[in-house]
């Protein structure tokens, strides 16, 4: 019996990476893709990467919206992306916040980033080779998995105070990219622009 080859993936934060960051987004009418995200996601998919969304959704624990509201938006986003030839392999979300307003979600968990529970769950469920994976996010906490695995972190930041290229954050090296073009360039070539 032949051993199945492990998959490679790109872990994607949602807010500020796939879509424009808006406080506690849960309505489809407020959803807007980041510049270059659609083209970048399509290229990653065409390159054979599984696309895996990993997102904190503390608005649920805060009582700003219900879990079903998040799930409705997730379903819409995945269907919209699929219609554009961009399949999302899986979405993982953390609804928790230790000091939230909704008791059942106000817990200390292992899934809320910067903890890495969602990443390892995805790795197990999807059969991922973490050494061949990337994590893309707009905040350093989105790249926390890089500290304990072979995942390469790419920080999407157009903040002029941050230098481009290699940067150290809490003992974890990641690459700062100003836009989706730089993300794709790095994943293809292994070097910053």
N, C-alpha and C. Protein backbone atom coordinates (compact mmCIF):
# COMPACT_ATOMS: atom_id res chain seq x y z
N UNK A 1 0.84 -1.18 0.00
CA UNK A 1 0.00 0.00 0.00
C UNK A 1 0.88 1.24 0.00
N UNK A 2 0.61 2.14 -0.92
CA UNK A 2 1.43 3.35 -1.07
C UNK A 2 1.00 4.40 -0.05
N UNK A 3 2.01 5.01 0.58
CA UNK A 3 1.74 6.07 1.55
C UNK A 3 1.31 7.33 0.81
N UNK A 4 0.22 7.96 1.30
CA UNK A 4 -0.29 9.17 0.66
C UNK A 4 0.63 10.35 0.95
N UNK A 5 0.95 11.10 -0.11
CA UNK A 5 1.81 12.26 0.04
C UNK A 5 1.06 13.36 0.78
N UNK A 6 1.77 14.02 1.70
CA UNK A 6 1.15 15.10 2.46
C UNK A 6 0.95 16.32 1.57
N UNK A 7 -0.08 17.09 1.90
CA UNK A 7 -0.47 18.27 1.14
C UNK A 7 0.31 19.50 1.59
N UNK A 8 0.34 20.49 0.73
CA UNK A 8 0.87 21.80 1.11
C UNK A 8 -0.29 22.80 1.08
N UNK A 9 -0.19 23.80 1.94
CA UNK A 9 -1.31 24.73 2.08
C UNK A 9 -0.80 26.13 2.38
N UNK A 10 -1.69 27.09 2.20
CA UNK A 10 -1.47 28.45 2.67
C UNK A 10 -2.57 28.73 3.69
N UNK A 11 -2.13 29.00 4.93
CA UNK A 11 -3.06 29.40 5.98
C UNK A 11 -3.32 30.89 5.81
N UNK A 12 -4.58 31.27 5.80
CA UNK A 12 -4.96 32.66 5.53
C UNK A 12 -5.79 33.23 6.67
N UNK A 13 -5.35 34.35 7.22
CA UNK A 13 -6.22 35.11 8.09
C UNK A 13 -7.32 35.67 7.19
N UNK A 14 -8.47 35.99 7.75
CA UNK A 14 -9.54 36.54 6.90
C UNK A 14 -9.51 38.07 6.87
N UNK A 15 -9.84 38.69 8.00
CA UNK A 15 -9.99 40.15 8.06
C UNK A 15 -8.64 40.85 7.95
N UNK A 16 -8.50 41.71 6.95
CA UNK A 16 -7.24 42.41 6.72
C UNK A 16 -6.29 41.66 5.80
N UNK A 17 -6.70 40.46 5.38
CA UNK A 17 -5.87 39.64 4.48
C UNK A 17 -6.66 39.27 3.23
N UNK A 18 -7.78 38.59 3.42
CA UNK A 18 -8.67 38.28 2.30
C UNK A 18 -9.59 39.46 2.03
N UNK A 19 -10.18 39.97 3.09
CA UNK A 19 -11.11 41.10 2.96
C UNK A 19 -10.59 42.31 3.73
N UNK A 20 -11.11 43.47 3.37
CA UNK A 20 -10.76 44.72 4.04
C UNK A 20 -11.18 44.61 5.50
N UNK A 21 -10.27 45.00 6.38
CA UNK A 21 -10.54 44.97 7.83
C UNK A 21 -11.65 45.96 8.17
N UNK A 22 -12.72 45.44 8.76
CA UNK A 22 -13.82 46.26 9.27
C UNK A 22 -14.16 45.70 10.63
N UNK A 23 -14.38 46.55 11.60
CA UNK A 23 -14.63 46.08 12.96
C UNK A 23 -15.79 45.10 13.01
N UNK A 24 -15.50 43.88 13.44
CA UNK A 24 -16.52 42.87 13.71
C UNK A 24 -17.45 42.64 12.52
N UNK A 25 -16.83 42.37 11.39
CA UNK A 25 -17.56 42.14 10.14
C UNK A 25 -18.38 40.84 10.22
N UNK A 26 -19.66 40.94 9.93
CA UNK A 26 -20.49 39.74 9.84
C UNK A 26 -21.57 39.86 8.78
N UNK A 27 -21.73 41.04 8.19
CA UNK A 27 -22.76 41.22 7.17
C UNK A 27 -22.15 41.15 5.77
N UNK A 28 -22.78 40.37 4.92
CA UNK A 28 -22.30 40.19 3.55
C UNK A 28 -22.20 41.54 2.84
N UNK A 29 -23.13 42.42 3.09
CA UNK A 29 -23.14 43.73 2.42
C UNK A 29 -21.93 44.58 2.77
N UNK A 30 -21.25 44.27 3.88
CA UNK A 30 -20.06 45.03 4.28
C UNK A 30 -18.75 44.39 3.82
N UNK A 31 -18.84 43.21 3.21
CA UNK A 31 -17.65 42.45 2.81
C UNK A 31 -17.05 43.05 1.55
N UNK A 32 -15.74 43.27 1.57
CA UNK A 32 -15.02 43.83 0.43
C UNK A 32 -13.64 43.18 0.36
N UNK A 33 -13.30 42.59 -0.78
CA UNK A 33 -12.00 41.92 -0.93
C UNK A 33 -10.87 42.94 -0.90
N UNK A 34 -9.74 42.53 -0.32
CA UNK A 34 -8.52 43.34 -0.35
C UNK A 34 -8.04 43.45 -1.79
N UNK A 35 -7.40 44.57 -2.11
CA UNK A 35 -6.79 44.73 -3.43
C UNK A 35 -5.81 43.59 -3.68
N UNK A 36 -5.97 42.93 -4.80
CA UNK A 36 -5.05 41.87 -5.19
C UNK A 36 -5.35 40.51 -4.58
N UNK A 37 -6.28 40.44 -3.63
CA UNK A 37 -6.54 39.17 -2.95
C UNK A 37 -7.10 38.11 -3.91
N UNK A 38 -8.06 38.48 -4.73
CA UNK A 38 -8.66 37.49 -5.63
C UNK A 38 -7.63 36.91 -6.59
N UNK A 39 -6.83 37.78 -7.17
CA UNK A 39 -5.79 37.32 -8.11
C UNK A 39 -4.76 36.47 -7.37
N UNK A 40 -4.37 36.90 -6.19
CA UNK A 40 -3.39 36.16 -5.41
C UNK A 40 -3.90 34.79 -4.98
N UNK A 41 -5.12 34.74 -4.49
CA UNK A 41 -5.70 33.46 -4.08
C UNK A 41 -5.84 32.51 -5.26
N UNK A 42 -6.25 33.03 -6.40
CA UNK A 42 -6.38 32.20 -7.61
C UNK A 42 -5.02 31.62 -8.00
N UNK A 43 -4.00 32.46 -7.95
CA UNK A 43 -2.66 31.99 -8.31
C UNK A 43 -2.17 30.91 -7.34
N UNK A 44 -2.41 31.10 -6.05
CA UNK A 44 -2.01 30.09 -5.07
C UNK A 44 -2.73 28.77 -5.33
N UNK A 45 -4.02 28.85 -5.60
CA UNK A 45 -4.79 27.65 -5.90
C UNK A 45 -4.27 26.97 -7.16
N UNK A 46 -3.99 27.76 -8.19
CA UNK A 46 -3.46 27.20 -9.44
C UNK A 46 -2.09 26.56 -9.25
N UNK A 47 -1.34 27.03 -8.23
CA UNK A 47 -0.02 26.46 -7.93
C UNK A 47 -0.13 25.16 -7.12
N UNK A 48 -1.35 24.78 -6.75
CA UNK A 48 -1.56 23.52 -6.05
C UNK A 48 -1.63 23.62 -4.54
N UNK A 49 -1.68 24.82 -4.01
CA UNK A 49 -1.81 24.99 -2.56
C UNK A 49 -3.26 24.87 -2.13
N UNK A 50 -3.49 24.16 -1.03
CA UNK A 50 -4.80 24.20 -0.40
C UNK A 50 -4.92 25.55 0.30
N UNK A 51 -6.07 26.17 0.23
CA UNK A 51 -6.30 27.45 0.89
C UNK A 51 -7.13 27.19 2.13
N UNK A 52 -6.57 27.56 3.29
CA UNK A 52 -7.17 27.27 4.59
C UNK A 52 -7.32 28.57 5.36
N UNK A 53 -8.55 28.93 5.68
CA UNK A 53 -8.81 30.17 6.43
C UNK A 53 -8.75 29.86 7.92
N UNK A 54 -7.99 30.68 8.66
CA UNK A 54 -7.83 30.57 10.11
C UNK A 54 -8.16 31.95 10.68
N UNK A 55 -9.29 32.09 11.39
CA UNK A 55 -9.72 33.42 11.80
C UNK A 55 -10.26 33.47 13.23
N UNK A 56 -9.86 34.48 13.98
CA UNK A 56 -10.47 34.79 15.28
C UNK A 56 -11.75 35.56 15.01
N UNK A 57 -12.81 35.20 15.68
CA UNK A 57 -14.09 35.91 15.54
C UNK A 57 -14.65 36.21 16.93
N UNK A 58 -13.93 37.08 17.65
CA UNK A 58 -14.32 37.40 19.03
C UNK A 58 -15.62 38.19 19.11
N UNK A 59 -16.09 38.72 17.99
CA UNK A 59 -17.39 39.41 17.98
C UNK A 59 -18.51 38.51 18.46
N UNK A 60 -18.35 37.20 18.30
CA UNK A 60 -19.35 36.24 18.78
C UNK A 60 -19.37 36.26 20.31
N UNK A 61 -18.20 36.11 20.94
CA UNK A 61 -18.11 36.13 22.41
C UNK A 61 -18.49 37.49 22.98
N UNK A 62 -18.24 38.54 22.23
CA UNK A 62 -18.58 39.89 22.69
C UNK A 62 -20.08 40.18 22.57
N UNK A 63 -20.80 39.33 21.84
CA UNK A 63 -22.23 39.52 21.66
C UNK A 63 -22.59 40.47 20.53
N UNK A 64 -21.62 40.80 19.67
CA UNK A 64 -21.88 41.71 18.56
C UNK A 64 -22.64 41.03 17.43
N UNK A 65 -22.44 39.73 17.29
CA UNK A 65 -23.16 38.94 16.29
C UNK A 65 -23.16 37.49 16.74
N UNK A 66 -24.00 36.70 16.14
CA UNK A 66 -24.15 35.29 16.52
C UNK A 66 -23.24 34.41 15.67
N UNK A 67 -22.97 33.21 16.18
CA UNK A 67 -22.15 32.26 15.43
C UNK A 67 -22.76 31.99 14.06
N UNK A 68 -24.07 31.90 13.97
CA UNK A 68 -24.73 31.66 12.69
C UNK A 68 -24.48 32.81 11.70
N UNK A 69 -24.39 34.05 12.21
CA UNK A 69 -24.07 35.19 11.34
C UNK A 69 -22.70 34.99 10.70
N UNK A 70 -21.72 34.57 11.54
CA UNK A 70 -20.39 34.29 10.99
C UNK A 70 -20.47 33.18 9.94
N UNK A 71 -21.17 32.09 10.28
CA UNK A 71 -21.25 30.95 9.36
C UNK A 71 -21.92 31.33 8.04
N UNK A 72 -22.92 32.20 8.10
CA UNK A 72 -23.57 32.66 6.87
C UNK A 72 -22.59 33.42 5.98
N UNK A 73 -21.78 34.30 6.59
CA UNK A 73 -20.79 35.05 5.82
C UNK A 73 -19.71 34.13 5.28
N UNK A 74 -19.25 33.18 6.11
CA UNK A 74 -18.24 32.22 5.66
C UNK A 74 -18.75 31.43 4.45
N UNK A 75 -19.99 30.95 4.53
CA UNK A 75 -20.57 30.18 3.42
C UNK A 75 -20.64 31.04 2.16
N UNK A 76 -21.11 32.27 2.31
CA UNK A 76 -21.19 33.16 1.15
C UNK A 76 -19.81 33.40 0.54
N UNK A 77 -18.81 33.70 1.39
CA UNK A 77 -17.46 33.98 0.90
C UNK A 77 -16.91 32.77 0.15
N UNK A 78 -17.05 31.58 0.74
CA UNK A 78 -16.52 30.38 0.09
C UNK A 78 -17.21 30.10 -1.24
N UNK A 79 -18.52 30.30 -1.29
CA UNK A 79 -19.24 30.10 -2.55
C UNK A 79 -18.83 31.15 -3.59
N UNK A 80 -18.65 32.40 -3.15
CA UNK A 80 -18.23 33.46 -4.07
C UNK A 80 -16.83 33.16 -4.62
N UNK A 81 -15.93 32.75 -3.74
CA UNK A 81 -14.57 32.42 -4.19
C UNK A 81 -14.59 31.21 -5.13
N UNK A 82 -15.36 30.19 -4.79
CA UNK A 82 -15.45 29.00 -5.65
C UNK A 82 -15.96 29.38 -7.03
N UNK A 83 -16.92 30.31 -7.10
CA UNK A 83 -17.46 30.74 -8.40
C UNK A 83 -16.41 31.46 -9.24
N UNK A 84 -15.36 31.93 -8.59
CA UNK A 84 -14.25 32.61 -9.27
C UNK A 84 -13.07 31.66 -9.50
N UNK A 85 -13.29 30.36 -9.28
CA UNK A 85 -12.24 29.37 -9.48
C UNK A 85 -11.24 29.29 -8.34
N UNK A 86 -11.67 29.71 -7.13
CA UNK A 86 -10.79 29.73 -5.96
C UNK A 86 -11.44 28.88 -4.86
N UNK A 87 -11.11 27.59 -4.80
CA UNK A 87 -11.72 26.76 -3.76
C UNK A 87 -11.01 26.94 -2.41
N UNK A 88 -11.80 27.12 -1.38
CA UNK A 88 -11.26 27.16 -0.02
C UNK A 88 -11.38 25.74 0.53
N UNK A 89 -10.25 25.15 0.93
CA UNK A 89 -10.26 23.77 1.41
C UNK A 89 -11.04 23.64 2.71
N UNK A 90 -10.84 24.58 3.62
CA UNK A 90 -11.51 24.53 4.91
C UNK A 90 -11.38 25.87 5.59
N UNK A 91 -12.37 26.20 6.41
CA UNK A 91 -12.33 27.40 7.26
C UNK A 91 -12.38 26.97 8.72
N UNK A 92 -11.51 27.54 9.52
CA UNK A 92 -11.51 27.32 10.96
C UNK A 92 -11.67 28.68 11.63
N UNK A 93 -12.52 28.73 12.66
CA UNK A 93 -12.70 30.00 13.35
C UNK A 93 -12.76 29.77 14.86
N UNK A 94 -12.30 30.78 15.58
CA UNK A 94 -12.37 30.76 17.04
C UNK A 94 -13.38 31.83 17.47
N UNK A 95 -14.47 31.42 18.15
CA UNK A 95 -15.46 32.37 18.61
C UNK A 95 -15.22 32.86 20.04
N UNK A 96 -14.11 32.44 20.64
CA UNK A 96 -13.89 32.64 22.07
C UNK A 96 -13.19 33.95 22.42
N UNK A 97 -13.39 34.38 23.64
CA UNK A 97 -12.69 35.52 24.23
C UNK A 97 -12.85 35.36 25.74
N UNK A 98 -11.74 35.23 26.49
CA UNK A 98 -11.86 34.95 27.93
C UNK A 98 -12.77 35.92 28.68
N UNK A 99 -12.75 37.19 28.33
CA UNK A 99 -13.58 38.17 29.04
C UNK A 99 -14.75 38.65 28.18
N UNK A 100 -15.30 37.75 27.38
CA UNK A 100 -16.44 38.09 26.53
C UNK A 100 -17.73 38.26 27.32
N UNK A 101 -18.79 38.60 26.61
CA UNK A 101 -20.10 38.85 27.23
C UNK A 101 -21.02 37.62 27.19
N UNK A 102 -20.76 36.69 26.28
CA UNK A 102 -21.60 35.51 26.12
C UNK A 102 -20.91 34.34 26.85
N UNK A 103 -21.50 33.85 27.95
CA UNK A 103 -20.81 32.88 28.81
C UNK A 103 -20.23 31.66 28.10
N UNK A 104 -20.99 31.04 27.18
CA UNK A 104 -20.49 29.81 26.56
C UNK A 104 -19.27 30.04 25.66
N UNK A 105 -19.03 31.28 25.28
CA UNK A 105 -17.86 31.61 24.45
C UNK A 105 -16.76 32.31 25.24
N UNK A 106 -17.03 32.62 26.50
CA UNK A 106 -16.07 33.37 27.33
C UNK A 106 -15.17 32.41 28.08
N UNK A 107 -14.28 31.78 27.32
CA UNK A 107 -13.38 30.78 27.89
C UNK A 107 -11.96 31.00 27.39
N UNK A 108 -11.02 30.40 28.13
CA UNK A 108 -9.64 30.31 27.65
C UNK A 108 -9.59 29.04 26.81
N UNK A 109 -9.14 29.16 25.58
CA UNK A 109 -9.16 28.03 24.65
C UNK A 109 -7.77 27.84 24.04
N UNK A 110 -7.66 26.83 23.24
CA UNK A 110 -6.41 26.56 22.51
C UNK A 110 -6.50 26.99 21.05
N UNK A 111 -7.67 27.52 20.65
CA UNK A 111 -7.83 27.87 19.24
C UNK A 111 -7.61 29.35 18.95
N UNK A 112 -7.80 30.23 19.91
CA UNK A 112 -7.68 31.67 19.65
C UNK A 112 -6.23 32.03 19.36
N UNK A 113 -6.01 32.60 18.17
CA UNK A 113 -4.65 33.06 17.84
C UNK A 113 -4.24 34.14 18.83
N UNK A 114 -3.03 34.14 19.32
CA UNK A 114 -1.84 33.49 18.76
C UNK A 114 -1.66 32.01 19.12
N UNK A 115 -2.56 31.39 19.89
CA UNK A 115 -2.43 29.95 20.11
C UNK A 115 -2.64 29.25 18.76
N UNK A 116 -2.17 28.03 18.68
CA UNK A 116 -2.06 27.40 17.37
C UNK A 116 -2.98 26.20 17.15
N UNK A 117 -3.98 26.05 17.99
CA UNK A 117 -4.87 24.89 17.89
C UNK A 117 -5.54 24.72 16.53
N UNK A 118 -5.99 25.83 15.94
CA UNK A 118 -6.67 25.72 14.63
C UNK A 118 -5.71 25.24 13.55
N UNK A 119 -4.46 25.68 13.61
CA UNK A 119 -3.47 25.27 12.60
C UNK A 119 -3.20 23.77 12.68
N UNK A 120 -2.99 23.28 13.91
CA UNK A 120 -2.67 21.86 14.07
C UNK A 120 -3.88 20.99 13.74
N UNK A 121 -5.08 21.47 14.04
CA UNK A 121 -6.29 20.74 13.66
C UNK A 121 -6.37 20.62 12.13
N UNK A 122 -6.09 21.73 11.44
CA UNK A 122 -6.09 21.71 9.97
C UNK A 122 -5.03 20.75 9.45
N UNK A 123 -3.84 20.79 10.04
CA UNK A 123 -2.75 19.91 9.59
C UNK A 123 -3.16 18.45 9.69
N UNK A 124 -3.80 18.11 10.79
CA UNK A 124 -4.23 16.72 10.99
C UNK A 124 -5.36 16.35 10.03
N UNK A 125 -6.38 17.19 9.97
CA UNK A 125 -7.56 16.87 9.15
C UNK A 125 -7.26 16.86 7.65
N UNK A 126 -6.35 17.71 7.22
CA UNK A 126 -6.06 17.83 5.78
C UNK A 126 -4.79 17.11 5.36
N UNK A 127 -4.07 16.52 6.31
CA UNK A 127 -2.84 15.80 5.97
C UNK A 127 -1.77 16.71 5.42
N UNK A 128 -1.46 17.79 6.16
CA UNK A 128 -0.53 18.80 5.66
C UNK A 128 0.91 18.52 6.06
N UNK A 129 1.81 18.84 5.16
CA UNK A 129 3.25 18.86 5.44
C UNK A 129 3.58 20.30 5.83
N UNK A 130 3.70 20.55 7.13
CA UNK A 130 3.86 21.92 7.62
C UNK A 130 5.12 22.59 7.07
N UNK A 131 6.14 21.82 6.73
CA UNK A 131 7.36 22.40 6.17
C UNK A 131 7.15 22.97 4.76
N UNK A 132 6.04 22.61 4.14
CA UNK A 132 5.74 23.10 2.79
C UNK A 132 4.59 24.11 2.79
N UNK A 133 4.24 24.61 3.98
CA UNK A 133 3.10 25.51 4.11
C UNK A 133 3.55 26.95 4.39
N UNK A 134 2.65 27.86 4.10
CA UNK A 134 2.84 29.29 4.39
C UNK A 134 1.67 29.76 5.24
N UNK A 135 1.91 30.80 6.03
CA UNK A 135 0.84 31.48 6.77
C UNK A 135 0.87 32.94 6.35
N UNK A 136 -0.29 33.49 5.99
CA UNK A 136 -0.39 34.88 5.56
C UNK A 136 -1.40 35.58 6.46
N UNK A 137 -0.97 36.72 7.02
CA UNK A 137 -1.87 37.49 7.87
C UNK A 137 -1.41 38.93 7.97
N UNK A 138 -2.27 39.77 8.53
CA UNK A 138 -1.93 41.19 8.66
C UNK A 138 -1.47 41.56 10.06
N UNK A 139 -1.41 40.58 10.97
CA UNK A 139 -0.93 40.83 12.33
C UNK A 139 0.05 39.72 12.72
N UNK A 140 1.05 40.05 13.51
CA UNK A 140 2.00 39.01 13.93
C UNK A 140 1.34 37.79 14.57
N UNK A 141 0.23 37.98 15.30
CA UNK A 141 -0.42 36.82 15.93
C UNK A 141 -0.93 35.81 14.89
N UNK A 142 -1.16 36.28 13.65
CA UNK A 142 -1.60 35.38 12.59
C UNK A 142 -0.48 34.43 12.16
N UNK A 143 0.73 34.73 12.55
CA UNK A 143 1.90 33.95 12.13
C UNK A 143 2.49 33.14 13.28
N UNK A 144 1.75 33.01 14.37
CA UNK A 144 2.26 32.33 15.56
C UNK A 144 2.65 30.88 15.28
N UNK A 145 2.02 30.24 14.33
CA UNK A 145 2.33 28.85 14.00
C UNK A 145 3.77 28.69 13.54
N UNK A 146 4.36 29.75 13.02
CA UNK A 146 5.72 29.68 12.48
C UNK A 146 6.74 29.38 13.57
N UNK A 147 6.42 29.74 14.82
CA UNK A 147 7.35 29.52 15.93
C UNK A 147 7.52 28.05 16.26
N UNK A 148 6.52 27.24 15.99
CA UNK A 148 6.57 25.84 16.43
C UNK A 148 6.44 24.85 15.28
N UNK A 149 6.71 25.31 14.07
CA UNK A 149 6.61 24.41 12.92
C UNK A 149 7.52 24.93 11.81
N UNK A 150 7.49 24.27 10.69
CA UNK A 150 8.27 24.72 9.54
C UNK A 150 7.53 25.67 8.63
N UNK A 151 6.36 26.16 9.06
CA UNK A 151 5.55 27.07 8.25
C UNK A 151 6.28 28.40 8.08
N UNK A 152 6.28 28.92 6.85
CA UNK A 152 6.87 30.22 6.56
C UNK A 152 5.81 31.29 6.70
N UNK A 153 6.10 32.35 7.46
CA UNK A 153 5.14 33.42 7.71
C UNK A 153 5.34 34.62 6.81
N UNK A 154 4.24 35.12 6.27
CA UNK A 154 4.25 36.31 5.43
C UNK A 154 3.28 37.32 6.03
N UNK A 155 3.82 38.45 6.49
CA UNK A 155 3.00 39.49 7.10
C UNK A 155 2.60 40.50 6.05
N UNK A 156 1.30 40.64 5.82
CA UNK A 156 0.79 41.61 4.85
C UNK A 156 0.67 42.95 5.56
N UNK A 157 1.59 43.85 5.24
CA UNK A 157 1.62 45.14 5.93
C UNK A 157 2.15 46.21 5.01
N UNK A 158 1.35 47.27 4.83
CA UNK A 158 1.85 48.41 4.06
C UNK A 158 2.29 49.52 5.00
N UNK A 159 2.48 49.18 6.26
CA UNK A 159 2.92 50.14 7.28
C UNK A 159 4.33 50.60 6.95
N UNK A 160 4.50 51.86 6.62
CA UNK A 160 5.81 52.37 6.21
C UNK A 160 6.84 52.34 7.33
N UNK A 161 6.40 52.19 8.58
CA UNK A 161 7.34 52.11 9.70
C UNK A 161 8.04 50.76 9.75
N UNK A 162 7.45 49.76 9.10
CA UNK A 162 8.04 48.43 9.11
C UNK A 162 8.90 48.27 7.86
N UNK A 163 10.09 47.76 8.07
CA UNK A 163 10.98 47.53 6.93
C UNK A 163 10.52 46.29 6.17
N UNK A 164 10.74 46.29 4.88
CA UNK A 164 10.46 45.09 4.10
C UNK A 164 11.57 44.08 4.32
N UNK A 165 11.28 42.87 3.97
CA UNK A 165 12.28 41.82 4.09
C UNK A 165 12.12 41.05 5.38
N UNK A 166 13.17 40.40 5.79
CA UNK A 166 13.10 39.54 6.97
C UNK A 166 13.04 40.36 8.25
N UNK A 167 12.18 39.92 9.15
CA UNK A 167 11.99 40.60 10.42
C UNK A 167 11.82 39.54 11.51
N UNK A 168 12.24 39.87 12.71
CA UNK A 168 12.09 38.96 13.83
C UNK A 168 10.95 39.45 14.72
N UNK A 169 10.05 38.56 15.09
CA UNK A 169 8.97 38.88 16.03
C UNK A 169 8.90 37.75 17.04
N UNK A 170 9.18 38.06 18.29
CA UNK A 170 9.12 37.06 19.36
C UNK A 170 9.80 35.76 18.93
N UNK A 171 11.03 35.85 18.53
CA UNK A 171 11.85 34.69 18.17
C UNK A 171 11.37 33.95 16.91
N UNK A 172 10.50 34.55 16.14
CA UNK A 172 10.02 33.89 14.93
C UNK A 172 10.28 34.80 13.74
N UNK A 173 10.96 34.27 12.78
CA UNK A 173 11.25 35.06 11.59
C UNK A 173 10.06 35.00 10.64
N UNK A 174 9.70 36.14 10.08
CA UNK A 174 8.69 36.17 9.04
C UNK A 174 9.06 37.23 8.03
N UNK A 175 8.38 37.21 6.91
CA UNK A 175 8.66 38.11 5.80
C UNK A 175 7.54 39.15 5.73
N UNK A 176 7.92 40.42 5.62
CA UNK A 176 6.93 41.48 5.47
C UNK A 176 6.70 41.72 3.98
N UNK A 177 5.44 41.67 3.57
CA UNK A 177 5.05 41.92 2.19
C UNK A 177 4.07 43.08 2.19
N UNK A 178 4.26 44.02 1.27
CA UNK A 178 3.40 45.21 1.24
C UNK A 178 2.05 44.97 0.58
N UNK A 179 1.96 43.92 -0.23
CA UNK A 179 0.72 43.68 -0.97
C UNK A 179 0.69 42.22 -1.44
N UNK A 180 -0.41 41.85 -2.07
CA UNK A 180 -0.56 40.48 -2.54
C UNK A 180 0.46 40.12 -3.63
N UNK A 181 0.87 41.07 -4.45
CA UNK A 181 1.89 40.77 -5.47
C UNK A 181 3.18 40.30 -4.82
N UNK A 182 3.57 40.95 -3.72
CA UNK A 182 4.80 40.54 -3.03
C UNK A 182 4.64 39.18 -2.36
N UNK A 183 3.45 38.88 -1.87
CA UNK A 183 3.20 37.56 -1.29
C UNK A 183 3.41 36.48 -2.34
N UNK A 184 2.79 36.65 -3.50
CA UNK A 184 2.90 35.66 -4.57
C UNK A 184 4.35 35.55 -5.04
N UNK A 185 5.02 36.68 -5.20
CA UNK A 185 6.43 36.66 -5.62
C UNK A 185 7.26 35.84 -4.64
N UNK A 186 7.06 36.06 -3.34
CA UNK A 186 7.86 35.33 -2.36
C UNK A 186 7.56 33.84 -2.41
N UNK A 187 6.31 33.47 -2.46
CA UNK A 187 5.96 32.04 -2.47
C UNK A 187 6.52 31.36 -3.72
N UNK A 188 6.50 32.05 -4.85
CA UNK A 188 7.05 31.47 -6.09
C UNK A 188 8.57 31.37 -6.06
N UNK A 189 9.23 32.42 -5.56
CA UNK A 189 10.68 32.50 -5.70
C UNK A 189 11.46 32.23 -4.42
N UNK A 190 10.80 32.35 -3.27
CA UNK A 190 11.51 32.16 -2.01
C UNK A 190 12.32 33.36 -1.59
N UNK A 191 12.10 34.51 -2.24
CA UNK A 191 12.84 35.71 -1.84
C UNK A 191 11.92 36.93 -1.94
N UNK A 192 12.21 37.92 -1.09
CA UNK A 192 11.43 39.16 -1.09
C UNK A 192 11.79 40.01 -2.30
N UNK A 193 10.87 40.88 -2.69
CA UNK A 193 11.13 41.79 -3.82
C UNK A 193 12.08 42.87 -3.36
